[in-house]
Protein backbone atom coordinates (compact mmCIF):
# COMPACT_ATOMS: atom_id res chain seq x y z
CA MET A 1 107.68 -69.22 8.66
CA SER A 2 106.01 -72.37 9.94
CA MET A 3 102.35 -73.07 9.28
CA ALA A 4 101.63 -72.65 13.00
CA ASP A 5 103.28 -69.22 12.95
CA THR A 6 101.34 -68.20 9.84
CA MET A 7 98.06 -69.27 11.41
CA ARG A 8 98.95 -67.55 14.69
CA GLN A 9 99.73 -64.30 12.87
CA LYS A 10 96.52 -64.31 10.83
CA LEU A 11 94.34 -65.10 13.84
CA ALA A 12 96.05 -62.45 15.98
CA GLU A 13 95.56 -59.79 13.31
CA ARG A 14 91.91 -60.62 12.75
CA PHE A 15 90.70 -61.28 16.30
CA ALA A 16 93.09 -59.48 18.71
CA PRO A 17 92.81 -62.43 21.09
CA THR A 18 93.42 -62.33 24.81
CA ARG A 19 94.70 -65.90 24.51
CA LEU A 20 95.84 -67.80 21.44
CA GLU A 21 97.32 -71.29 21.28
CA VAL A 22 98.19 -73.02 18.01
CA VAL A 23 99.52 -76.54 18.45
CA ASP A 24 100.82 -78.72 15.61
CA ASP A 25 99.25 -82.11 16.32
CA SER A 26 100.41 -83.72 13.07
CA GLN A 27 102.63 -86.36 14.71
CA ARG A 28 99.50 -88.02 16.14
CA HIS A 29 98.14 -88.44 12.60
CA ALA A 30 101.29 -89.53 10.77
CA ASP A 31 99.71 -92.63 9.24
CA HIS A 32 96.53 -90.95 8.01
CA ALA A 33 95.94 -90.61 4.28
CA GLU A 34 95.94 -86.80 4.28
CA SER A 35 98.98 -86.32 6.51
CA HIS A 36 102.20 -84.86 5.15
CA PRO A 37 105.53 -86.56 5.94
CA GLU A 38 106.96 -83.21 7.06
CA GLY A 39 103.97 -82.53 9.34
CA GLU A 40 102.05 -79.27 9.65
CA SER A 41 98.74 -80.76 8.54
CA HIS A 42 96.77 -81.21 11.79
CA PHE A 43 96.33 -78.41 14.34
CA VAL A 44 94.59 -77.70 17.63
CA VAL A 45 93.67 -74.04 18.09
CA THR A 46 92.37 -72.34 21.22
CA ILE A 47 91.41 -68.71 20.74
CA VAL A 48 89.80 -66.32 23.20
CA SER A 49 88.58 -63.06 21.71
CA PRO A 50 86.04 -60.31 22.38
CA ALA A 51 85.06 -60.76 18.71
CA PHE A 52 83.29 -63.99 19.72
CA SER A 53 81.03 -62.37 22.33
CA GLY A 54 77.38 -62.84 21.40
CA LEU A 55 78.14 -65.38 18.67
CA ASN A 56 77.27 -69.06 18.80
CA ARG A 57 79.90 -71.77 18.33
CA VAL A 58 79.17 -72.29 14.63
CA ALA A 59 79.43 -68.57 13.82
CA ARG A 60 82.73 -68.35 15.70
CA GLN A 61 84.18 -71.32 13.87
CA ARG A 62 83.05 -69.96 10.51
CA LEU A 63 85.01 -66.76 11.21
CA VAL A 64 88.13 -68.77 11.98
CA TYR A 65 87.68 -70.97 8.89
CA GLU A 66 87.24 -67.84 6.79
CA THR A 67 90.44 -66.37 8.21
CA LEU A 68 92.41 -69.55 7.51
CA ALA A 69 90.76 -70.41 4.19
CA HIS A 70 94.00 -70.46 2.23
CA GLU A 71 95.74 -72.73 4.74
CA LEU A 72 92.77 -75.09 4.88
CA ALA A 73 92.62 -75.26 1.07
CA THR A 74 96.30 -76.01 0.68
CA ARG A 75 98.21 -77.56 3.57
CA VAL A 76 96.05 -77.94 6.68
CA HIS A 77 93.96 -81.09 6.65
CA ALA A 78 92.41 -80.94 10.13
CA LEU A 79 91.68 -78.13 12.55
CA SER A 80 90.31 -78.67 16.04
CA LEU A 81 88.91 -75.42 17.41
CA SER A 82 88.04 -74.02 20.80
CA THR A 83 86.61 -70.52 20.30
CA LEU A 84 85.70 -68.59 23.43
CA SER A 85 84.76 -65.10 24.48
CA PRO A 86 86.79 -63.62 27.37
CA GLU A 87 83.82 -64.21 29.68
CA GLU A 88 83.93 -67.94 28.93
CA ASP A 89 87.69 -68.40 29.32
CA ARG A 90 88.51 -70.55 32.32
CA ALA A 91 92.25 -70.97 31.62
């Protein structure tokens, strides 16, 4: 299973999102010191979930970081997050 698939599965199980996008953005960072030649080190995540209602941006991101702690400690170097409640989703 790819890192994107692993992250997608963990986030879906934890947050039951109404929208979830996990994009491997590693190719844009290929020359950076922490990049991996095989990719899967830099990701852009958009997640819309009722679990984020009433929480500020920092609290939402902390929940995502907690959920992906293993991936962030091992393979994922960078994670760009957009965390929204369903009321905020304009997609």
